[in-house]
């Protein structure tokens, strides 16, 4: 009885605060928004159904590279393909190979994918090839099962990265990435450790799993790329192109001519006074496992009788990633650690905590690339190898661009 009286009083107050006209307006607005949302959803689904082939690329590393490789192969095979990569910088690659910038007024948002779908549908493309840009597990599910509904899913690999969102363990990352496995279609992957996990997930969704391995590509077939590409990425792209009846030789030749992502691993030979420097841009490999793989490959190519310099470019909003990279860097055999970008004092403290000697650390922060080189020059030998890890942001892209523009042709 007391509760009923209390409820009557509250309702009475609500009616006094909100006249009947205001309540009516609120209801009308709510109904209008719901109606508009339903109409937009139906419209989007029609756009999707008008695109025969929809390829959704996800994974920890190599998403942009694999997306670009697949796009090149599909265009060579005669498919009218619209490609969208997130990569270092968001780009849309049109059916003739022309690249256009994807404009952003604010931070990246998965709703951006809706506009790409509409653009693709309106141009009557045969293929929508799109890189996943979602990190949050919920958003990954929505992106695939509401926005893209792929006919072909791609999962490059599963590694320890973005642990603040998908972690803390590898199993958690795998669960998150598996949310973009499409239903009743095909999933292509180069992941070689969690294949049983992926097989079970795919079976539940009635999806066929296709595993691509790096030994499916002969070392001779890797010759001709203008940058350092991973065989497993090429094998993955070729497997998907093969499923669409594209000639392997034709697809591979097109892949070798494609424009790589800005973050692709490249080597530049740079002459500074009487010094010869080999600079490797590995800034896009910002998870520890990928960084370690690249480092080991570079050591094999360059040999042991050189001075090795690690540049770690950090961002202030990526503290956890900086900690991971310092942890992995502390296990490497290097001669000098250069800290660039933001929060270098904090990263230096992390390095010292990992028992990296202070004498091996040089802080250059966000200085111009020319000044960074001048700062570290006194400690560089005449034959040095510089490998840059971390982030393309906070000056990383500018540093890489400097070496690209000033390198010596070999």
Protein backbone atom coordinates (compact mmCIF):
# COMPACT_ATOMS: atom_id res chain seq x y z
CA UNK A 1 0.00 0.00 0.00
CA UNK A 2 2.79 2.36 0.86
CA UNK A 3 4.59 1.50 -2.39
CA UNK A 4 1.47 2.28 -4.43
CA UNK A 5 1.12 5.70 -2.83
CA UNK A 6 4.81 6.43 -3.45
CA UNK A 7 4.46 5.41 -7.10
CA UNK A 8 1.40 7.63 -7.53
CA UNK A 9 3.30 10.59 -6.15
CA UNK A 10 6.25 9.95 -8.52
CA UNK A 11 3.98 9.67 -11.54
CA UNK A 12 2.22 12.82 -10.49
CA UNK A 13 5.52 14.67 -10.32
CA UNK A 14 6.51 13.30 -13.73
CA UNK A 15 3.26 14.53 -15.27
CA UNK A 16 3.85 17.94 -13.75
CA UNK A 17 7.41 18.07 -15.08
CA UNK A 18 6.49 16.76 -18.53
CA UNK A 19 3.19 18.04 -19.94
CA UNK A 20 1.28 15.71 -22.26
CA UNK A 21 2.51 17.66 -25.31
CA UNK A 22 6.17 17.03 -24.36
CA UNK A 23 5.59 13.32 -23.84
CA UNK A 24 3.90 13.12 -27.23
CA UNK A 25 6.84 14.86 -28.91
CA UNK A 26 9.33 12.50 -27.26
CA UNK A 27 7.33 9.45 -28.36
CA UNK A 28 7.08 10.75 -31.93
CA UNK A 29 10.81 11.45 -32.08
CA UNK A 30 11.64 8.02 -30.69
CA UNK A 31 9.32 6.31 -33.17
CA UNK A 32 10.82 8.35 -36.02
CA UNK A 33 14.37 7.39 -35.07
CA UNK A 34 13.43 3.72 -34.81
CA UNK A 35 11.67 3.85 -38.18
CA UNK A 36 14.66 5.62 -39.75
CA UNK A 37 17.03 3.02 -38.29
CA UNK A 38 14.96 0.13 -39.69
CA UNK A 39 14.83 1.76 -43.13
CA UNK A 40 18.60 2.35 -43.12
CA UNK A 41 19.25 -1.24 -42.06
CA UNK A 42 17.06 -2.62 -44.84
CA UNK A 43 18.77 -0.28 -47.32
CA UNK A 44 22.20 -1.44 -46.21
CA UNK A 45 21.23 -5.10 -46.55
CA UNK A 46 20.11 -4.42 -50.12
CA UNK A 47 23.48 -2.84 -50.85
CA UNK A 48 25.19 -5.95 -49.50
CA UNK A 49 23.08 -8.34 -51.53
CA UNK A 50 23.90 -6.42 -54.72
CA UNK A 51 27.63 -7.16 -54.27
CA UNK A 52 28.26 -10.79 -55.34
CA UNK A 53 31.60 -11.29 -53.56
CA UNK A 54 32.37 -9.76 -50.17
CA UNK A 55 35.81 -10.42 -48.63
CA UNK A 56 36.43 -9.40 -45.01
CA UNK A 57 40.08 -9.42 -43.87
CA UNK A 58 40.95 -9.60 -40.17
CA UNK A 59 43.90 -10.77 -38.06
CA UNK A 60 46.68 -9.42 -35.88
CA UNK A 61 49.41 -8.67 -38.41
CA UNK A 62 49.50 -8.28 -42.17
CA UNK A 63 45.86 -7.31 -42.75
CA UNK A 64 46.69 -4.38 -45.01
CA UNK A 65 49.37 -6.27 -46.93
CA UNK A 66 47.12 -9.27 -47.53
CA UNK A 67 44.21 -7.04 -48.52
CA UNK A 68 46.38 -5.24 -51.07
CA UNK A 69 47.76 -8.52 -52.43
CA UNK A 70 44.29 -10.02 -52.84
CA UNK A 71 43.05 -6.83 -54.51
CA UNK A 72 45.88 -6.91 -57.04
CA UNK A 73 45.17 -10.54 -57.88
CA UNK A 74 41.45 -9.96 -58.28
CA UNK A 75 41.94 -6.96 -60.56
CA UNK A 76 44.34 -8.99 -62.69
CA UNK A 77 41.68 -11.70 -62.91
CA UNK A 78 39.18 -9.24 -64.35
CA UNK A 79 37.06 -8.66 -61.27
CA UNK A 80 35.65 -5.16 -60.78
CA UNK A 81 37.00 -4.76 -57.24
CA UNK A 82 36.66 -1.97 -54.70
CA UNK A 83 39.28 -2.36 -51.95
CA UNK A 84 39.41 -0.55 -48.63
CA UNK A 85 42.46 -0.76 -46.38
CA UNK A 86 42.87 0.73 -42.93
CA UNK A 87 46.61 0.15 -42.66
CA UNK A 88 48.90 2.97 -41.67
CA UNK A 89 46.60 5.41 -43.42
CA UNK A 90 43.06 4.61 -44.64
CA UNK A 91 42.84 4.20 -48.40
CA UNK A 92 40.28 3.06 -50.95
CA UNK A 93 41.69 1.33 -54.05
CA UNK A 94 39.41 1.59 -57.06
CA UNK A 95 38.94 -1.02 -59.78
CA UNK A 96 41.67 0.56 -61.94
CA UNK A 97 44.20 0.50 -59.07
CA UNK A 98 43.87 4.20 -58.30
CA UNK A 99 44.15 5.00 -54.58
CA UNK A 100 42.08 7.66 -52.86
CA UNK A 101 42.24 8.86 -49.27
CA UNK A 102 39.35 7.94 -46.98
CA UNK A 103 38.50 11.26 -45.30
CA UNK A 104 38.00 11.33 -41.55
CA UNK A 105 36.75 14.34 -39.63
CA UNK A 106 37.10 12.53 -36.30
CA UNK A 107 38.69 9.35 -34.95
CA UNK A 108 38.22 6.04 -36.75
CA UNK A 109 34.73 4.58 -36.41
CA UNK A 110 33.38 1.29 -37.74
CA UNK A 111 30.38 3.16 -39.21
CA UNK A 112 32.86 4.21 -41.89
CA UNK A 113 32.41 0.72 -43.36
CA UNK A 114 28.75 1.44 -44.16
CA UNK A 115 29.71 4.22 -46.57
CA UNK A 116 32.24 1.94 -48.27
CA UNK A 117 29.57 -0.73 -48.82
CA UNK A 118 27.22 1.85 -50.32
CA UNK A 119 29.97 3.22 -52.58
CA UNK A 120 30.78 -0.29 -53.79
CA UNK A 121 27.15 -1.17 -54.45
CA UNK A 122 26.41 2.03 -56.34
CA UNK A 123 29.34 1.33 -58.68
CA UNK A 124 28.08 -2.19 -59.30
CA UNK A 125 31.36 -3.77 -58.25
CA UNK A 126 31.85 -7.52 -58.43
CA UNK A 127 33.90 -7.57 -55.24
CA UNK A 128 33.98 -5.65 -51.98
CA UNK A 129 37.39 -6.31 -50.38
CA UNK A 130 37.57 -4.67 -46.98
CA UNK A 131 39.97 -4.72 -44.04
CA UNK A 132 38.41 -5.06 -40.60
CA UNK A 133 38.93 -1.94 -38.48
CA UNK A 134 37.18 -3.09 -35.29
CA UNK A 135 39.11 -4.01 -32.13
CA UNK A 136 36.45 -4.38 -29.46
CA UNK A 137 35.06 -7.94 -29.64
CA UNK A 138 31.47 -6.69 -29.78
CA UNK A 139 32.28 -4.39 -32.67
CA UNK A 140 34.13 -7.19 -34.48
CA UNK A 141 30.97 -9.31 -34.35
CA UNK A 142 28.78 -6.42 -35.54
CA UNK A 143 31.16 -5.52 -38.36
CA UNK A 144 30.99 -9.02 -39.84
CA UNK A 145 27.51 -10.27 -39.07
CA UNK A 146 25.61 -7.00 -39.59
CA UNK A 147 27.76 -4.81 -41.83
CA UNK A 148 29.69 -7.08 -44.22
CA UNK A 149 28.30 -10.64 -44.14
CA UNK A 150 31.31 -11.91 -46.04
CA UNK A 151 31.20 -14.59 -48.69
CA UNK A 152 34.95 -15.06 -48.05
CA UNK A 153 36.55 -14.45 -44.68
CA UNK A 154 40.29 -13.97 -44.18
CA UNK A 155 42.12 -14.30 -40.86
CA UNK A 156 45.82 -13.60 -41.39
CA UNK A 157 47.14 -14.75 -38.00
CA UNK A 158 46.54 -14.63 -34.25
CA UNK A 159 49.20 -12.99 -32.09
CA UNK A 160 49.57 -11.19 -28.79
CA UNK A 161 48.52 -7.62 -29.57
CA UNK A 162 45.87 -5.12 -28.41
CA UNK A 163 45.74 -7.03 -25.14
CA UNK A 164 44.06 -4.08 -23.41
CA UNK A 165 41.03 -4.69 -25.65
CA UNK A 166 41.19 -8.37 -26.60
CA UNK A 167 43.55 -9.88 -24.00
CA UNK A 168 45.02 -10.71 -21.64
CA UNK A 169 45.91 -14.12 -23.14
CA UNK A 170 46.35 -15.44 -26.67
CA UNK A 171 43.20 -17.49 -26.23
CA UNK A 172 41.23 -14.29 -25.60
CA UNK A 173 42.65 -12.68 -28.74
CA UNK A 174 41.70 -15.79 -30.72
CA UNK A 175 38.13 -15.65 -29.39
CA UNK A 176 37.82 -11.98 -30.33
CA UNK A 177 39.18 -12.41 -33.86
CA UNK A 178 37.02 -15.48 -34.45
CA UNK A 179 33.95 -13.28 -34.12
CA UNK A 180 34.50 -12.19 -37.72
CA UNK A 181 34.38 -15.73 -39.12
CA UNK A 182 31.50 -15.57 -41.63
CA UNK A 183 28.53 -17.94 -41.70
CA UNK A 184 28.09 -20.60 -44.39
CA UNK A 185 31.01 -19.44 -46.46
CA UNK A 186 34.82 -19.87 -46.61
CA UNK A 187 37.52 -18.83 -44.17
CA UNK A 188 41.13 -18.49 -45.38
CA UNK A 189 43.96 -18.30 -42.87
CA UNK A 190 47.74 -18.52 -42.58
CA UNK A 191 47.55 -19.09 -38.82
CA UNK A 192 49.59 -22.22 -38.10
CA UNK A 193 49.15 -22.75 -34.36
CA UNK A 194 45.47 -22.47 -33.56
CA UNK A 195 44.08 -24.33 -36.56
CA UNK A 196 42.08 -26.77 -34.41
CA UNK A 197 40.45 -23.84 -32.65
CA UNK A 198 39.57 -22.19 -35.97
CA UNK A 199 38.29 -25.48 -37.41
CA UNK A 200 35.84 -25.88 -34.53
CA UNK A 201 34.65 -22.28 -34.83
CA UNK A 202 34.22 -22.61 -38.60
CA UNK A 203 32.30 -25.89 -38.29
CA UNK A 204 29.80 -24.30 -35.91
CA UNK A 205 29.12 -21.64 -38.53
CA UNK A 206 29.03 -24.21 -41.37
CA UNK A 207 32.03 -22.51 -42.95
CA UNK A 208 34.85 -24.23 -44.83
CA UNK A 209 38.35 -23.59 -43.46
CA UNK A 210 41.20 -23.19 -45.98
CA UNK A 211 44.72 -23.13 -44.51
CA UNK A 212 47.53 -21.47 -46.48
CA UNK A 213 51.13 -22.24 -45.52
CA UNK A 214 54.22 -20.28 -46.46
CA UNK A 215 55.90 -23.30 -48.05
CA UNK A 216 53.15 -23.21 -50.68
CA UNK A 217 55.14 -20.36 -52.24
CA UNK A 218 58.55 -21.16 -53.70
CA UNK A 219 61.38 -18.80 -52.64
CA UNK A 220 61.95 -17.99 -56.32
CA UNK A 221 58.35 -16.80 -56.55
CA UNK A 222 59.11 -14.19 -53.88
CA UNK A 223 61.66 -12.50 -56.10
CA UNK A 224 60.43 -9.29 -57.68
CA UNK A 225 58.66 -7.67 -54.74
CA UNK A 226 59.80 -4.07 -54.14
CA UNK A 227 59.55 -4.55 -50.39
CA UNK A 228 59.95 -7.35 -47.86
CA UNK A 229 56.80 -9.43 -48.11
CA UNK A 230 56.09 -12.51 -46.02
CA UNK A 231 55.60 -15.79 -47.95
CA UNK A 232 52.61 -16.69 -45.80
CA UNK A 233 50.87 -13.45 -46.83
CA UNK A 234 51.41 -14.25 -50.49
CA UNK A 235 50.29 -17.87 -49.99
CA UNK A 236 47.12 -16.65 -48.30
CA UNK A 237 46.31 -14.18 -51.07
CA UNK A 238 47.00 -16.77 -53.77
CA UNK A 239 44.75 -19.32 -52.03
CA UNK A 240 41.82 -16.92 -52.10
CA UNK A 241 42.49 -15.92 -55.72
CA UNK A 242 42.64 -19.60 -56.66
CA UNK A 243 39.21 -20.15 -55.11
CA UNK A 244 37.90 -17.55 -57.56
CA UNK A 245 39.53 -19.30 -60.53
CA UNK A 246 42.28 -16.72 -61.09
CA UNK A 247 45.46 -17.96 -62.78
CA UNK A 248 48.26 -18.24 -60.21
CA UNK A 249 51.01 -16.77 -62.40
CA UNK A 250 48.82 -13.85 -63.42
CA UNK A 251 47.81 -13.13 -59.82
CA UNK A 252 51.38 -13.37 -58.51
CA UNK A 253 52.78 -11.00 -61.13
CA UNK A 254 50.07 -8.46 -60.30
CA UNK A 255 50.84 -8.77 -56.59
CA UNK A 256 54.50 -7.94 -57.21
CA UNK A 257 53.46 -4.69 -58.90
CA UNK A 258 50.99 -3.55 -56.27
CA UNK A 259 51.66 -0.48 -54.15
CA UNK A 260 52.60 -1.66 -50.63
CA UNK A 261 51.19 -0.14 -47.48
CA UNK A 262 53.18 2.73 -45.98
CA UNK A 263 54.01 0.44 -43.08
CA UNK A 264 55.43 -2.38 -45.21
CA UNK A 265 58.90 -3.56 -44.24
CA UNK A 266 61.50 -1.92 -46.48
CA UNK A 267 65.24 -1.38 -46.49
CA UNK A 268 66.88 1.91 -47.44
CA UNK A 269 70.62 2.44 -47.99
CA UNK A 270 71.56 5.87 -46.64
CA UNK A 271 74.96 7.56 -46.86
CA UNK A 272 75.78 10.05 -44.11
CA UNK A 273 79.22 11.62 -44.43
CA UNK A 274 81.53 8.58 -44.58
CA UNK A 275 78.95 6.26 -42.98
CA UNK A 276 76.78 3.69 -44.74
CA UNK A 277 73.50 3.03 -42.97
CA UNK A 278 70.89 0.39 -43.78
CA UNK A 279 67.55 1.57 -42.40
CA UNK A 280 64.67 -0.89 -42.00
CA UNK A 281 61.17 0.48 -41.54
CA UNK A 282 59.49 -2.12 -39.31
CA UNK A 283 57.24 0.44 -37.60
CA UNK A 284 54.05 -1.39 -38.59
CA UNK A 285 55.20 -4.54 -36.77
CA UNK A 286 54.24 -3.21 -33.37
CA UNK A 287 53.57 -6.44 -31.53
CA UNK A 288 56.46 -8.28 -29.86
CA UNK A 289 56.15 -11.55 -31.80
CA UNK A 290 56.19 -9.88 -35.22
CA UNK A 291 59.02 -7.59 -34.18
CA UNK A 292 61.11 -10.58 -33.07
CA UNK A 293 60.50 -12.42 -36.35
CA UNK A 294 61.55 -9.39 -38.39
CA UNK A 295 64.61 -8.79 -36.24
CA UNK A 296 65.81 -12.37 -36.67
CA UNK A 297 65.32 -12.21 -40.44
CA UNK A 298 67.26 -8.94 -40.67
CA UNK A 299 70.14 -10.40 -38.65
CA UNK A 300 70.30 -13.34 -41.05
CA UNK A 301 70.38 -11.05 -44.09
CA UNK A 302 72.83 -8.48 -42.73
CA UNK A 303 75.17 -10.78 -40.81
CA UNK A 304 76.72 -10.45 -37.38
CA UNK A 305 79.65 -8.13 -38.12
CA UNK A 306 77.66 -4.91 -38.08
CA UNK A 307 76.48 -2.42 -35.51
CA UNK A 308 72.78 -2.83 -34.75
CA UNK A 309 70.68 0.13 -33.69
CA UNK A 310 67.07 -0.22 -32.53
CA UNK A 311 64.79 2.81 -32.89
CA UNK A 312 61.71 2.54 -30.71
CA UNK A 313 59.09 5.13 -31.69
CA UNK A 314 56.40 5.45 -29.02
CA UNK A 315 53.01 7.11 -28.67
CA UNK A 316 51.70 8.46 -25.38
CA UNK A 317 48.36 6.67 -25.84
CA UNK A 318 50.09 3.30 -26.35
CA UNK A 319 51.78 2.82 -22.98
CA UNK A 320 51.01 -0.89 -22.77
CA UNK A 321 52.41 -1.45 -26.26
CA UNK A 322 55.57 0.45 -25.32
CA UNK A 323 55.97 -1.83 -22.29
CA UNK A 324 55.58 -4.92 -24.49
CA UNK A 325 58.12 -3.65 -27.01
CA UNK A 326 60.65 -2.70 -24.35
CA UNK A 327 60.24 -6.17 -22.84
CA UNK A 328 60.94 -7.84 -26.21
CA UNK A 329 63.71 -5.35 -27.10
CA UNK A 330 65.54 -6.18 -23.87
CA UNK A 331 65.97 -9.73 -25.21
CA UNK A 332 67.58 -8.59 -28.47
CA UNK A 333 71.28 -8.32 -29.13
CA UNK A 334 71.76 -4.68 -30.11
CA UNK A 335 74.37 -1.95 -29.65
CA UNK A 336 72.22 1.16 -29.31
CA UNK A 337 68.61 1.92 -28.39
CA UNK A 338 67.18 5.18 -29.76
CA UNK A 339 63.95 6.41 -28.19
CA UNK A 340 61.85 8.62 -30.45
CA UNK A 341 58.30 9.90 -30.45
CA UNK A 342 56.31 10.73 -27.32
CA UNK A 343 56.86 9.93 -23.64
CA UNK A 344 60.53 9.03 -24.19
CA UNK A 345 61.39 9.68 -20.53
CA UNK A 346 58.78 7.13 -19.46
CA UNK A 347 60.01 4.62 -22.03
CA UNK A 348 63.59 5.20 -20.87
CA UNK A 349 62.51 4.36 -17.32
CA UNK A 350 60.93 1.15 -18.66
CA UNK A 351 64.19 0.30 -20.45
CA UNK A 352 66.29 0.87 -17.34
CA UNK A 353 63.92 -1.30 -15.35
CA UNK A 354 64.58 -4.07 -17.89
CA UNK A 355 68.31 -3.60 -17.19
CA UNK A 356 69.14 -2.03 -20.55
CA UNK A 357 72.32 -0.01 -19.78
CA UNK A 358 71.86 3.75 -19.75
CA UNK A 359 74.99 4.14 -21.94
CA UNK A 360 73.17 2.28 -24.74
CA UNK A 361 70.16 4.63 -24.70
CA UNK A 362 69.81 7.81 -26.76
CA UNK A 363 66.67 9.94 -26.54
CA UNK A 364 65.73 12.03 -29.58
CA UNK A 365 62.02 12.54 -28.91
CA UNK A 366 60.09 14.27 -31.67
CA UNK A 367 62.94 16.12 -33.34
CA UNK A 368 63.11 16.36 -37.11
CA UNK A 369 64.63 13.26 -38.77
CA UNK A 370 67.80 15.15 -39.78
CA UNK A 371 68.36 16.20 -36.18
CA UNK A 372 67.69 12.69 -34.90
CA UNK A 373 70.43 11.34 -37.17
CA UNK A 374 72.80 14.11 -36.07
CA UNK A 375 72.13 13.23 -32.43
CA UNK A 376 72.94 9.54 -32.81
CA UNK A 377 75.73 9.99 -35.40
CA UNK A 378 78.58 10.19 -32.85
CA UNK A 379 77.69 6.68 -31.64
CA UNK A 380 77.15 5.04 -35.03
CA UNK A 381 79.80 2.98 -36.79
CA UNK A 382 80.61 3.32 -40.47
CA UNK A 383 78.55 0.23 -41.29
CA UNK A 384 75.37 0.28 -39.22
CA UNK A 385 71.94 -1.31 -39.41
CA UNK A 386 69.03 0.71 -37.99
CA UNK A 387 65.74 -1.06 -37.37
CA UNK A 388 62.72 1.05 -36.40
CA UNK A 389 59.90 -0.51 -34.37
CA UNK A 390 56.91 0.92 -32.54
CA UNK A 391 54.39 3.18 -34.23
CA UNK A 392 54.02 5.04 -37.50
CA UNK A 393 52.39 7.87 -35.57
CA UNK A 394 54.16 10.47 -33.41
CA UNK A 395 56.84 11.06 -36.04
CA UNK A 396 57.37 7.48 -37.20
CA UNK A 397 55.96 8.08 -40.68
CA UNK A 398 58.10 11.21 -41.09
CA UNK A 399 61.26 9.31 -40.12
CA UNK A 400 60.52 6.54 -42.62
CA UNK A 401 59.66 9.08 -45.32
CA UNK A 402 62.99 10.84 -44.79
CA UNK A 403 64.97 7.66 -45.47
CA UNK A 404 62.74 6.83 -48.44
CA UNK A 405 63.38 10.22 -50.03
CA UNK A 406 67.12 10.28 -49.30
CA UNK A 407 68.17 6.68 -49.82
CA UNK A 408 70.80 5.66 -52.33
CA UNK A 409 69.78 3.37 -55.18
CA UNK A 410 71.66 0.07 -54.96
